[in-house]
C-alpha atoms as a PDB file:
ATOM      1  CA  UNK A   1     104.392  15.629  21.113  1.00  0.00           C
ATOM      2  CA  UNK A   2     107.276  16.408  23.449  1.00  0.00           C
ATOM      3  CA  UNK A   3     109.277  19.615  23.438  1.00  0.00           C
ATOM      4  CA  UNK A   4     112.553  20.478  25.118  1.00  0.00           C
ATOM      5  CA  UNK A   5     115.026  23.349  24.969  1.00  0.00           C
ATOM      6  CA  UNK A   6     118.716  22.846  25.692  1.00  0.00           C
ATOM      7  CA  UNK A   7     120.832  25.951  26.265  1.00  0.00           C
ATOM      8  CA  UNK A   8     124.434  25.403  25.181  1.00  0.00           C
ATOM      9  CA  UNK A   9     126.436  28.479  24.193  1.00  0.00           C
ATOM     10  CA  UNK A  10     129.210  26.366  22.681  1.00  0.00           C
ATOM     11  CA  UNK A  11     127.040  24.708  20.004  1.00  0.00           C
ATOM     12  CA  UNK A  12     125.506  26.097  16.836  1.00  0.00           C
ATOM     13  CA  UNK A  13     121.765  26.743  17.141  1.00  0.00           C
ATOM     14  CA  UNK A  14     119.714  24.009  15.523  1.00  0.00           C
ATOM     15  CA  UNK A  15     116.126  22.811  15.608  1.00  0.00           C
ATOM     16  CA  UNK A  16     115.414  19.138  14.997  1.00  0.00           C
ATOM     17  CA  UNK A  17     111.855  17.860  14.588  1.00  0.00           C
ATOM     18  CA  UNK A  18     111.072  14.156  14.926  1.00  0.00           C
ATOM     19  CA  UNK A  19     107.648  13.292  13.488  1.00  0.00           C
ATOM     20  CA  UNK A  20     106.027  10.124  12.162  1.00  0.00           C
ATOM     21  CA  UNK A  21     104.930  12.017   9.055  1.00  0.00           C
ATOM     22  CA  UNK A  22     104.975  15.613   7.872  1.00  0.00           C
ATOM     23  CA  UNK A  23     101.916  17.531   9.057  1.00  0.00           C
ATOM     24  CA  UNK A  24     100.667  21.105   9.308  1.00  0.00           C
ATOM     25  CA  UNK A  25     102.290  21.663  12.710  1.00  0.00           C
ATOM     26  CA  UNK A  26     105.725  20.506  11.549  1.00  0.00           C
ATOM     27  CA  UNK A  27     105.393  22.731   8.457  1.00  0.00           C
ATOM     28  CA  UNK A  28     104.509  25.742  10.613  1.00  0.00           C
ATOM     29  CA  UNK A  29     107.494  25.093  12.870  1.00  0.00           C
ATOM     30  CA  UNK A  30     109.785  24.846   9.828  1.00  0.00           C
ATOM     31  CA  UNK A  31     108.504  28.149   8.429  1.00  0.00           C
ATOM     32  CA  UNK A  32     108.968  29.826  11.796  1.00  0.00           C
ATOM     33  CA  UNK A  33     112.505  28.509  12.247  1.00  0.00           C
ATOM     34  CA  UNK A  34     113.591  29.270   8.694  1.00  0.00           C
ATOM     35  CA  UNK A  35     112.756  32.903   9.322  1.00  0.00           C
ATOM     36  CA  UNK A  36     110.168  33.241   6.606  1.00  0.00           C
ATOM     37  CA  UNK A  37     109.022  36.411   8.279  1.00  0.00           C
ATOM     38  CA  UNK A  38     107.936  39.403   6.316  1.00  0.00           C
ATOM     39  CA  UNK A  39     108.897  42.886   7.445  1.00  0.00           C
ATOM     40  CA  UNK A  40     106.356  45.547   6.634  1.00  0.00           C
ATOM     41  CA  UNK A  41     106.794  49.224   7.335  1.00  0.00           C
ATOM     42  CA  UNK A  42     103.744  51.300   8.120  1.00  0.00           C
ATOM     43  CA  UNK A  43     103.678  55.074   8.058  1.00  0.00           C
ATOM     44  CA  UNK A  44     101.713  57.438  10.262  1.00  0.00           C
ATOM     45  CA  UNK A  45     102.391  61.141  10.751  1.00  0.00           C
ATOM     46  CA  UNK A  46     105.749  60.914   8.913  1.00  0.00           C
ATOM     47  CA  UNK A  47     106.907  58.172  11.300  1.00  0.00           C
ATOM     48  CA  UNK A  48     107.820  54.712  10.039  1.00  0.00           C
ATOM     49  CA  UNK A  49     106.830  51.757  12.192  1.00  0.00           C
ATOM     50  CA  UNK A  50     107.995  48.182  11.646  1.00  0.00           C
ATOM     51  CA  UNK A  51     104.938  45.921  11.630  1.00  0.00           C
ATOM     52  CA  UNK A  52     104.820  42.189  12.098  1.00  0.00           C
ATOM     53  CA  UNK A  53     102.158  40.493   9.945  1.00  0.00           C
ATOM     54  CA  UNK A  54     100.864  38.727  13.067  1.00  0.00           C
ATOM     55  CA  UNK A  55      99.971  42.149  14.547  1.00  0.00           C
ATOM     56  CA  UNK A  56      97.950  43.180  11.486  1.00  0.00           C
ATOM     57  CA  UNK A  57      94.213  42.462  11.508  1.00  0.00           C
ATOM     58  CA  UNK A  58      93.800  43.226   7.812  1.00  0.00           C
ATOM     59  CA  UNK A  59      95.195  45.171   4.896  1.00  0.00           C
ATOM     60  CA  UNK A  60      92.637  47.385   3.221  1.00  0.00           C
ATOM     61  CA  UNK A  61      92.447  49.977   0.451  1.00  0.00           C
ATOM     62  CA  UNK A  62      90.900  53.381   1.117  1.00  0.00           C
ATOM     63  CA  UNK A  63      91.177  56.322  -1.297  1.00  0.00           C
ATOM     64  CA  UNK A  64      93.650  54.342  -3.469  1.00  0.00           C
ATOM     65  CA  UNK A  65      96.030  53.918  -0.509  1.00  0.00           C
ATOM     66  CA  UNK A  66      96.812  50.646   1.254  1.00  0.00           C
ATOM     67  CA  UNK A  67      96.487  50.564   5.038  1.00  0.00           C
ATOM     68  CA  UNK A  68      97.384  48.000   7.695  1.00  0.00           C
ATOM     69  CA  UNK A  69      94.667  47.904  10.339  1.00  0.00           C
ATOM     70  CA  UNK A  70      96.176  46.965  13.704  1.00  0.00           C
ATOM     71  CA  UNK A  71      94.765  46.740  17.249  1.00  0.00           C
ATOM     72  CA  UNK A  72      94.334  50.492  17.775  1.00  0.00           C
ATOM     73  CA  UNK A  73      96.074  52.169  14.848  1.00  0.00           C
ATOM     74  CA  UNK A  74      95.899  52.232  11.068  1.00  0.00           C
ATOM     75  CA  UNK A  75      99.164  52.608   9.139  1.00  0.00           C
ATOM     76  CA  UNK A  76      99.678  53.461   5.494  1.00  0.00           C
ATOM     77  CA  UNK A  77     101.650  50.835   3.568  1.00  0.00           C
ATOM     78  CA  UNK A  78     103.748  51.584   0.482  1.00  0.00           C
ATOM     79  CA  UNK A  79     103.198  48.161  -1.192  1.00  0.00           C
ATOM     80  CA  UNK A  80     100.214  47.485  -3.425  1.00  0.00           C
ATOM     81  CA  UNK A  81      97.584  45.036  -2.177  1.00  0.00           C
ATOM     82  CA  UNK A  82      98.253  42.404  -4.855  1.00  0.00           C
ATOM     83  CA  UNK A  83     101.972  42.368  -3.915  1.00  0.00           C
ATOM     84  CA  UNK A  84     101.124  41.917  -0.245  1.00  0.00           C
ATOM     85  CA  UNK A  85      98.804  39.047  -1.152  1.00  0.00           C
ATOM     86  CA  UNK A  86     101.718  37.220  -2.818  1.00  0.00           C
ATOM     87  CA  UNK A  87     104.066  37.807   0.136  1.00  0.00           C
ATOM     88  CA  UNK A  88     101.740  36.984   3.039  1.00  0.00           C
ATOM     89  CA  UNK A  89     101.467  33.492   4.473  1.00  0.00           C
ATOM     90  CA  UNK A  90      98.484  31.182   4.852  1.00  0.00           C
ATOM     91  CA  UNK A  91      97.107  33.155   7.816  1.00  0.00           C
ATOM     92  CA  UNK A  92      95.874  35.784   5.374  1.00  0.00           C
ATOM     93  CA  UNK A  93      92.975  35.455   2.953  1.00  0.00           C
ATOM     94  CA  UNK A  94      91.563  37.914   0.435  1.00  0.00           C
ATOM     95  CA  UNK A  95      87.962  38.582   1.454  1.00  0.00           C
ATOM     96  CA  UNK A  96      87.121  41.149  -1.219  1.00  0.00           C
ATOM     97  CA  UNK A  97      88.856  43.214  -3.882  1.00  0.00           C
ATOM     98  CA  UNK A  98      90.143  45.741  -1.367  1.00  0.00           C
ATOM     99  CA  UNK A  99      90.817  43.704   1.794  1.00  0.00           C
ATOM    100  CA  UNK A 100      93.146  40.891   2.874  1.00  0.00           C
ATOM    101  CA  UNK A 101      92.210  39.534   6.313  1.00  0.00           C
ATOM    102  CA  UNK A 102      94.294  37.810   8.972  1.00  0.00           C
ATOM    103  CA  UNK A 103      92.180  34.736   9.772  1.00  0.00           C
ATOM    104  CA  UNK A 104      93.676  34.541  13.274  1.00  0.00           C
ATOM    105  CA  UNK A 105      92.226  37.976  14.060  1.00  0.00           C
ATOM    106  CA  UNK A 106      88.647  37.279  12.945  1.00  0.00           C
ATOM    107  CA  UNK A 107      86.170  37.067  15.803  1.00  0.00           C
ATOM    108  CA  UNK A 108      83.001  36.149  13.897  1.00  0.00           C
ATOM    109  CA  UNK A 109      81.071  36.029  10.651  1.00  0.00           C
ATOM    110  CA  UNK A 110      77.593  37.541  10.382  1.00  0.00           C
ATOM    111  CA  UNK A 111      75.343  36.292   7.610  1.00  0.00           C
ATOM    112  CA  UNK A 112      72.516  38.548   6.478  1.00  0.00           C
ATOM    113  CA  UNK A 113      69.201  37.653   4.880  1.00  0.00           C
ATOM    114  CA  UNK A 114      70.470  39.009   1.562  1.00  0.00           C
ATOM    115  CA  UNK A 115      73.277  36.437   1.516  1.00  0.00           C
ATOM    116  CA  UNK A 116      76.155  38.742   2.356  1.00  0.00           C
ATOM    117  CA  UNK A 117      78.739  37.706   4.916  1.00  0.00           C
ATOM    118  CA  UNK A 118      80.244  40.316   7.217  1.00  0.00           C
ATOM    119  CA  UNK A 119      83.595  39.696   8.921  1.00  0.00           C
ATOM    120  CA  UNK A 120      84.054  41.132  12.402  1.00  0.00           C
ATOM    121  CA  UNK A 121      87.618  41.389  13.662  1.00  0.00           C
ATOM    122  CA  UNK A 122      88.714  41.206  17.301  1.00  0.00           C
ATOM    123  CA  UNK A 123      89.488  44.951  17.303  1.00  0.00           C
ATOM    124  CA  UNK A 124      85.975  45.873  16.135  1.00  0.00           C
ATOM    125  CA  UNK A 125      86.833  46.543  12.479  1.00  0.00           C
ATOM    126  CA  UNK A 126      84.289  45.101  10.032  1.00  0.00           C
ATOM    127  CA  UNK A 127      84.236  44.344   6.306  1.00  0.00           C
ATOM    128  CA  UNK A 128      82.254  42.220   3.883  1.00  0.00           C
ATOM    129  CA  UNK A 129      83.228  39.039   2.050  1.00  0.00           C
ATOM    130  CA  UNK A 130      82.532  39.441  -1.669  1.00  0.00           C
ATOM    131  CA  UNK A 131      80.455  36.810  -3.459  1.00  0.00           C
ATOM    132  CA  UNK A 132      83.465  36.026  -5.629  1.00  0.00           C
ATOM    133  CA  UNK A 133      85.646  35.216  -2.589  1.00  0.00           C
ATOM    134  CA  UNK A 134      82.962  33.554  -0.435  1.00  0.00           C
ATOM    135  CA  UNK A 135      83.680  29.932  -1.394  1.00  0.00           C
ATOM    136  CA  UNK A 136      87.452  30.373  -0.994  1.00  0.00           C
ATOM    137  CA  UNK A 137      87.105  32.130   2.391  1.00  0.00           C
ATOM    138  CA  UNK A 138      84.820  29.384   3.709  1.00  0.00           C
ATOM    139  CA  UNK A 139      87.303  26.713   2.611  1.00  0.00           C
ATOM    140  CA  UNK A 140      90.230  28.525   4.248  1.00  0.00           C
ATOM    141  CA  UNK A 141      88.284  28.941   7.492  1.00  0.00           C
ATOM    142  CA  UNK A 142      87.281  25.276   7.476  1.00  0.00           C
ATOM    143  CA  UNK A 143      83.599  26.079   7.115  1.00  0.00           C
ATOM    144  CA  UNK A 144      83.266  24.102   3.888  1.00  0.00           C
ATOM    145  CA  UNK A 145      85.017  21.161   2.284  1.00  0.00           C
END
């Protein structure tokens, strides 16, 4: 696939994609261009921080509060987890009742002898995949068909 950028200040900005058939890459490009980006505000020490979903490793619930776990910080989020699940794109998957994970930020899965599956994120954060979500998580990660 070829790519080129033409800078012309006199023309309206436009992205044109020529493909033989619609595929996952062309769909991702369309979503990116159409600005289907979600703005999430995280709060820490009375400061509001604008978070990009791509910077979030996971959203988790602790003490009935929703948090966005990022590279080095954890921010409280005002939205409920089920609302975030509806708004987030296909890079996020619910791994248990209290955690939605960014699949691009997962470093590995650890299976135990008891059958549980632990998710390790690139920042060191860890959580378990529930038995109820196991099949769905494996399908989303391409580990099962």
